[in-house]
């Protein structure tokens, strides 16, 4: 029968699915969220009421869920038996290298191939089809997944055939992403406490040696009261936790990542887990007693001044 399916139609999965379909690939999909399935169907996808119905007879499956536990639940509750023989599973979730290896071993025992293929680029990259993919797996799996990978990415890094290497590169990358994000919040909070205007501070740093992609992307949202989430505090708690775990397994010190992890945990403890990850600024605001985020009165005053 053949065919392509996706499990996981959240903020990232929706954009990836749309780009796969725009490349002319028919796609079936499943998500636990009815609203997510409805959005997928509205974009032209074939939404199914169960994961097994979505993957039945498919020889290519993309998994884009948040955690290893979710990936295991999606794959090992009857789904493998519903796939076509010798199917390729593209695991794009960010998981620990040890978890990627364990999932690949179970897939191999069931007669399937896995690409350990986490992605970077966030929702913007998923929507634009410009993700960076860090992938490892058999050449046969790469060949069979080529059209789907091309549809969702601007760059595919082929990192050998050993499962877990894609995850390793992604986890190490998340150290930089998480530290830069938290450093941006610390800079904005420190500067505001010291008397700097947040917008002027961002303008100066963004055009100087301290610039980073995370600063440019997240600092403007740090000044908003309730930005639409493109990635959440909970996701970075998970990802930085994977950094600390994987570093411990490797015997590598990661003190900056550990500090960034604690600030994210602090933001989560404030009830901000589902908020945009730029909400880590709120933890700093609580520590400094100084607001970086604009108040409703400040927003209204700005609007009045511009009308």
Protein backbone atom coordinates (compact mmCIF):
# COMPACT_ATOMS: atom_id res chain seq x y z
CA UNK A 1 0.00 0.00 0.00
CA UNK A 2 2.70 2.50 0.97
CA UNK A 3 2.19 6.11 1.92
CA UNK A 4 3.40 8.74 4.38
CA UNK A 5 2.06 9.61 7.82
CA UNK A 6 2.83 12.04 10.63
CA UNK A 7 2.16 11.67 14.35
CA UNK A 8 2.35 14.96 16.25
CA UNK A 9 0.54 17.98 14.86
CA UNK A 10 1.51 20.64 17.36
CA UNK A 11 3.11 23.98 16.55
CA UNK A 12 6.04 22.34 14.77
CA UNK A 13 4.22 19.38 13.27
CA UNK A 14 1.56 21.50 11.60
CA UNK A 15 4.10 23.52 9.63
CA UNK A 16 6.11 20.45 8.70
CA UNK A 17 2.93 18.71 7.54
CA UNK A 18 1.88 21.65 5.37
CA UNK A 19 5.26 21.75 3.64
CA UNK A 20 5.22 18.01 3.02
CA UNK A 21 1.80 18.33 1.37
CA UNK A 22 2.88 21.38 -0.62
CA UNK A 23 5.66 19.21 -2.04
CA UNK A 24 2.94 17.00 -3.52
CA UNK A 25 3.15 14.21 -0.96
CA UNK A 26 -0.17 12.83 0.27
CA UNK A 27 -0.17 12.76 4.05
CA UNK A 28 -2.18 11.12 6.79
CA UNK A 29 -1.87 12.39 10.34
CA UNK A 30 -2.84 11.97 13.96
CA UNK A 31 -2.62 14.03 17.13
CA UNK A 32 -4.29 13.56 20.49
CA UNK A 33 -5.74 17.06 20.10
CA UNK A 34 -8.98 17.22 18.12
CA UNK A 35 -8.27 20.87 17.32
CA UNK A 36 -4.85 19.95 15.90
CA UNK A 37 -6.40 17.23 13.73
CA UNK A 38 -9.00 19.72 12.49
CA UNK A 39 -6.28 22.25 11.54
CA UNK A 40 -4.42 19.51 9.69
CA UNK A 41 -7.57 18.48 7.82
CA UNK A 42 -8.27 22.11 6.98
CA UNK A 43 -4.84 22.34 5.36
CA UNK A 44 -5.62 19.36 3.12
CA UNK A 45 -4.34 16.48 5.23
CA UNK A 46 -6.10 13.19 5.88
CA UNK A 47 -6.75 13.37 9.62
CA UNK A 48 -7.38 10.06 11.37
CA UNK A 49 -8.97 9.31 14.74
CA UNK A 50 -6.14 7.05 15.91
CA UNK A 51 -2.43 6.64 15.36
CA UNK A 52 -2.95 3.12 14.00
CA UNK A 53 -5.44 4.36 11.42
CA UNK A 54 -3.02 7.12 10.41
CA UNK A 55 -0.06 4.79 9.82
CA UNK A 56 -1.90 1.73 8.48
CA UNK A 57 0.09 0.40 5.53
CA UNK A 58 2.44 3.40 5.43
CA UNK A 59 6.12 2.86 4.68
CA UNK A 60 7.25 6.29 5.93
CA UNK A 61 6.32 7.82 9.29
CA UNK A 62 7.39 11.17 10.72
CA UNK A 63 7.13 11.47 14.51
CA UNK A 64 7.13 15.04 15.87
CA UNK A 65 6.09 14.87 19.53
CA UNK A 66 7.67 16.63 22.51
CA UNK A 67 9.35 13.88 24.54
CA UNK A 68 10.82 10.40 24.31
CA UNK A 69 7.97 9.07 26.46
CA UNK A 70 5.44 10.48 23.99
CA UNK A 71 7.38 9.00 21.07
CA UNK A 72 7.42 5.59 22.72
CA UNK A 73 3.69 5.81 23.44
CA UNK A 74 3.04 6.80 19.83
CA UNK A 75 5.17 4.03 18.35
CA UNK A 76 4.87 1.03 20.64
CA UNK A 77 1.14 0.78 21.30
CA UNK A 78 0.25 -1.25 18.23
CA UNK A 79 1.48 1.27 15.67
CA UNK A 80 4.48 -0.77 14.54
CA UNK A 81 2.24 -3.65 13.53
CA UNK A 82 0.10 -1.28 11.45
CA UNK A 83 3.05 0.03 9.43
CA UNK A 84 4.08 -1.56 6.16
CA UNK A 85 6.94 -4.04 6.33
CA UNK A 86 10.41 -2.47 6.50
CA UNK A 87 9.02 1.04 7.08
CA UNK A 88 11.19 4.09 7.79
CA UNK A 89 10.45 6.07 10.95
CA UNK A 90 11.81 9.63 11.06
CA UNK A 91 12.10 10.59 14.73
CA UNK A 92 12.32 14.40 14.83
CA UNK A 93 11.61 14.82 18.54
CA UNK A 94 14.43 16.15 20.73
CA UNK A 95 15.38 13.23 22.97
CA UNK A 96 18.47 12.07 24.84
CA UNK A 97 20.99 10.12 22.72
CA UNK A 98 20.44 7.05 24.89
CA UNK A 99 16.68 7.32 24.28
CA UNK A 100 17.19 7.61 20.52
CA UNK A 101 19.36 4.48 20.54
CA UNK A 102 16.79 2.55 22.58
CA UNK A 103 13.93 3.51 20.26
CA UNK A 104 16.00 2.64 17.18
CA UNK A 105 16.80 -0.78 18.65
CA UNK A 106 13.12 -1.54 19.25
CA UNK A 107 12.25 -0.44 15.72
CA UNK A 108 15.04 -2.57 14.31
CA UNK A 109 13.81 -5.60 16.26
CA UNK A 110 10.38 -5.03 14.68
CA UNK A 111 11.90 -4.94 11.19
CA UNK A 112 11.80 -1.18 10.64
CA UNK A 113 14.45 1.49 10.04
CA UNK A 114 14.87 4.74 11.96
CA UNK A 115 16.34 8.10 11.12
CA UNK A 116 17.39 9.86 14.31
CA UNK A 117 16.53 13.30 12.89
CA UNK A 118 15.90 16.13 15.37
CA UNK A 119 15.37 19.59 13.94
CA UNK A 120 16.24 23.19 14.74
CA UNK A 121 14.56 26.38 13.59
CA UNK A 122 11.46 26.54 15.75
CA UNK A 123 7.96 27.24 14.54
CA UNK A 124 9.22 29.84 12.07
CA UNK A 125 11.45 27.24 10.43
CA UNK A 126 8.70 24.61 10.49
CA UNK A 127 6.24 27.00 8.84
CA UNK A 128 8.78 28.16 6.25
CA UNK A 129 10.20 24.75 5.40
CA UNK A 130 13.64 26.01 6.47
CA UNK A 131 14.49 23.72 9.37
CA UNK A 132 17.99 22.43 9.98
CA UNK A 133 17.97 18.64 10.38
CA UNK A 134 20.67 16.74 12.28
CA UNK A 135 20.23 13.14 11.20
CA UNK A 136 21.87 9.76 11.55
CA UNK A 137 20.73 6.40 10.25
CA UNK A 138 21.14 3.88 7.43
CA UNK A 139 21.73 5.17 3.89
CA UNK A 140 18.60 3.32 2.77
CA UNK A 141 16.51 5.29 5.26
CA UNK A 142 18.00 8.59 4.06
CA UNK A 143 17.25 7.68 0.46
CA UNK A 144 13.64 6.76 1.15
CA UNK A 145 13.04 9.84 3.32
CA UNK A 146 14.77 12.28 0.95
CA UNK A 147 11.62 13.93 -0.44
CA UNK A 148 10.11 14.51 3.00
CA UNK A 149 13.35 15.85 4.44
CA UNK A 150 13.75 18.21 1.48
CA UNK A 151 10.20 19.51 1.95
CA UNK A 152 10.73 20.57 5.55
CA UNK A 153 14.32 21.78 5.62
CA UNK A 154 16.95 24.06 4.18
CA UNK A 155 19.83 21.85 5.35
CA UNK A 156 20.17 18.17 6.22
CA UNK A 157 23.33 17.21 8.09
CA UNK A 158 24.08 13.51 7.54
CA UNK A 159 25.90 12.39 10.67
CA UNK A 160 26.62 8.75 9.98
CA UNK A 161 24.59 5.62 10.47
CA UNK A 162 24.69 5.27 14.26
CA UNK A 163 21.41 6.07 16.03
CA UNK A 164 21.87 8.66 18.74
CA UNK A 165 24.31 10.88 16.84
CA UNK A 166 21.53 13.13 15.51
CA UNK A 167 20.23 13.45 19.07
CA UNK A 168 23.73 14.16 20.37
CA UNK A 169 24.29 17.06 17.99
CA UNK A 170 20.82 18.46 18.77
CA UNK A 171 21.31 18.26 22.53
CA UNK A 172 24.67 20.02 22.28
CA UNK A 173 23.05 22.66 20.09
CA UNK A 174 20.36 23.20 22.71
CA UNK A 175 23.05 24.16 25.19
CA UNK A 176 23.83 27.18 23.02
CA UNK A 177 20.16 27.98 22.37
CA UNK A 178 19.18 27.76 26.03
CA UNK A 179 22.17 29.64 27.40
CA UNK A 180 21.77 32.42 24.82
CA UNK A 181 18.07 32.69 25.62
CA UNK A 182 18.62 32.96 29.36
CA UNK A 183 21.60 35.28 28.85
CA UNK A 184 19.34 37.56 26.80
CA UNK A 185 16.83 37.67 29.66
CA UNK A 186 19.58 38.34 32.18
CA UNK A 187 20.97 41.14 30.04
CA UNK A 188 17.57 42.77 29.59
CA UNK A 189 16.76 42.50 33.30
CA UNK A 190 20.16 43.76 34.44
CA UNK A 191 20.10 46.66 31.99
CA UNK A 192 16.60 47.72 32.97
CA UNK A 193 17.46 47.52 36.67
CA UNK A 194 20.54 49.67 36.01
CA UNK A 195 18.45 52.33 34.30
CA UNK A 196 18.70 51.43 30.62
CA UNK A 197 15.68 51.74 28.36
CA UNK A 198 14.93 48.13 27.27
CA UNK A 199 14.23 49.01 23.63
CA UNK A 200 17.36 51.13 23.32
CA UNK A 201 19.40 48.42 25.02
CA UNK A 202 18.16 45.81 22.57
CA UNK A 203 18.93 48.09 19.62
CA UNK A 204 22.50 48.65 20.85
CA UNK A 205 23.32 45.04 21.69
CA UNK A 206 21.71 43.71 18.50
CA UNK A 207 24.07 45.84 16.41
CA UNK A 208 27.16 45.14 18.51
CA UNK A 209 29.42 42.28 19.53
CA UNK A 210 26.95 40.92 22.08
CA UNK A 211 24.34 40.14 19.42
CA UNK A 212 22.85 36.65 19.19
CA UNK A 213 20.00 35.12 17.22
CA UNK A 214 18.17 34.29 20.43
CA UNK A 215 18.51 37.87 21.69
CA UNK A 216 17.14 39.30 18.44
CA UNK A 217 14.27 36.82 18.34
CA UNK A 218 13.26 36.59 22.01
CA UNK A 219 14.06 39.99 23.57
CA UNK A 220 11.24 41.79 21.71
CA UNK A 221 8.82 39.19 23.10
CA UNK A 222 10.26 39.69 26.58
CA UNK A 223 8.86 43.22 26.40
CA UNK A 224 5.37 41.95 25.51
CA UNK A 225 2.87 41.06 28.20
CA UNK A 226 1.59 37.84 26.65
CA UNK A 227 3.35 36.84 23.41
CA UNK A 228 1.93 33.98 21.36
CA UNK A 229 4.04 30.91 22.23
CA UNK A 230 6.33 29.65 19.48
CA UNK A 231 8.26 27.50 21.97
CA UNK A 232 7.48 27.11 25.64
CA UNK A 233 9.26 27.29 28.97
CA UNK A 234 8.40 23.61 29.49
CA UNK A 235 10.18 22.68 26.26
CA UNK A 236 13.36 24.41 27.36
CA UNK A 237 13.14 22.84 30.81
CA UNK A 238 13.04 19.50 29.00
CA UNK A 239 15.81 20.35 26.51
CA UNK A 240 18.22 21.89 29.03
CA UNK A 241 17.50 18.94 31.31
CA UNK A 242 18.64 16.70 28.44
CA UNK A 243 21.81 18.79 28.11
CA UNK A 244 22.63 18.33 31.79
CA UNK A 245 21.76 14.61 31.66
CA UNK A 246 23.80 13.96 28.51
CA UNK A 247 26.76 15.96 29.83
CA UNK A 248 26.69 13.89 33.01
CA UNK A 249 26.68 10.71 30.91
CA UNK A 250 29.64 12.04 28.91
CA UNK A 251 31.59 13.33 31.91
CA UNK A 252 31.56 16.92 30.58
CA UNK A 253 31.06 19.98 32.82
CA UNK A 254 28.26 22.32 31.71
CA UNK A 255 27.93 24.97 34.43
CA UNK A 256 26.38 27.59 32.15
CA UNK A 257 23.75 25.15 30.91
CA UNK A 258 23.00 24.11 34.49
CA UNK A 259 22.46 27.73 35.51
CA UNK A 260 20.22 28.37 32.50
CA UNK A 261 18.26 25.21 33.36
CA UNK A 262 17.65 26.49 36.90
CA UNK A 263 16.31 29.82 35.62
CA UNK A 264 13.91 27.97 33.32
CA UNK A 265 12.82 25.74 36.20
CA UNK A 266 12.22 28.90 38.21
CA UNK A 267 9.99 30.31 35.48
CA UNK A 268 8.13 27.01 35.34
CA UNK A 269 7.65 27.16 39.11
CA UNK A 270 5.92 30.51 38.63
CA UNK A 271 3.25 28.77 36.56
CA UNK A 272 4.74 29.83 33.21
CA UNK A 273 5.47 26.39 31.80
CA UNK A 274 3.00 26.73 28.92
CA UNK A 275 4.02 30.32 28.19
CA UNK A 276 6.41 31.38 25.45
CA UNK A 277 9.98 30.61 26.53
CA UNK A 278 10.76 34.35 26.56
CA UNK A 279 8.72 34.37 29.80
CA UNK A 280 11.93 33.37 31.60
CA UNK A 281 12.28 37.17 31.87
CA UNK A 282 9.50 37.04 34.49
CA UNK A 283 11.80 35.07 36.81
CA UNK A 284 14.37 37.83 36.49
CA UNK A 285 11.70 40.49 37.04
CA UNK A 286 10.76 38.72 40.28
CA UNK A 287 14.40 38.71 41.39
CA UNK A 288 15.15 42.33 40.47
CA UNK A 289 11.78 43.86 41.34
CA UNK A 290 12.02 45.74 38.05
CA UNK A 291 9.77 45.24 35.01
CA UNK A 292 11.15 44.68 31.53
CA UNK A 293 7.75 43.60 30.25
CA UNK A 294 5.55 46.52 29.31
CA UNK A 295 2.54 47.08 31.54
CA UNK A 296 -0.92 47.50 30.05
CA UNK A 297 -0.74 51.20 30.94
CA UNK A 298 2.55 51.57 29.06
CA UNK A 299 1.12 49.79 26.03
CA UNK A 300 -1.93 52.05 26.05
CA UNK A 301 0.24 55.16 26.40
CA UNK A 302 2.37 54.06 23.42
CA UNK A 303 -0.74 53.45 21.31
CA UNK A 304 -2.14 56.86 22.28
CA UNK A 305 1.14 58.55 21.35
CA UNK A 306 1.12 56.89 17.93
CA UNK A 307 -2.46 57.87 17.05
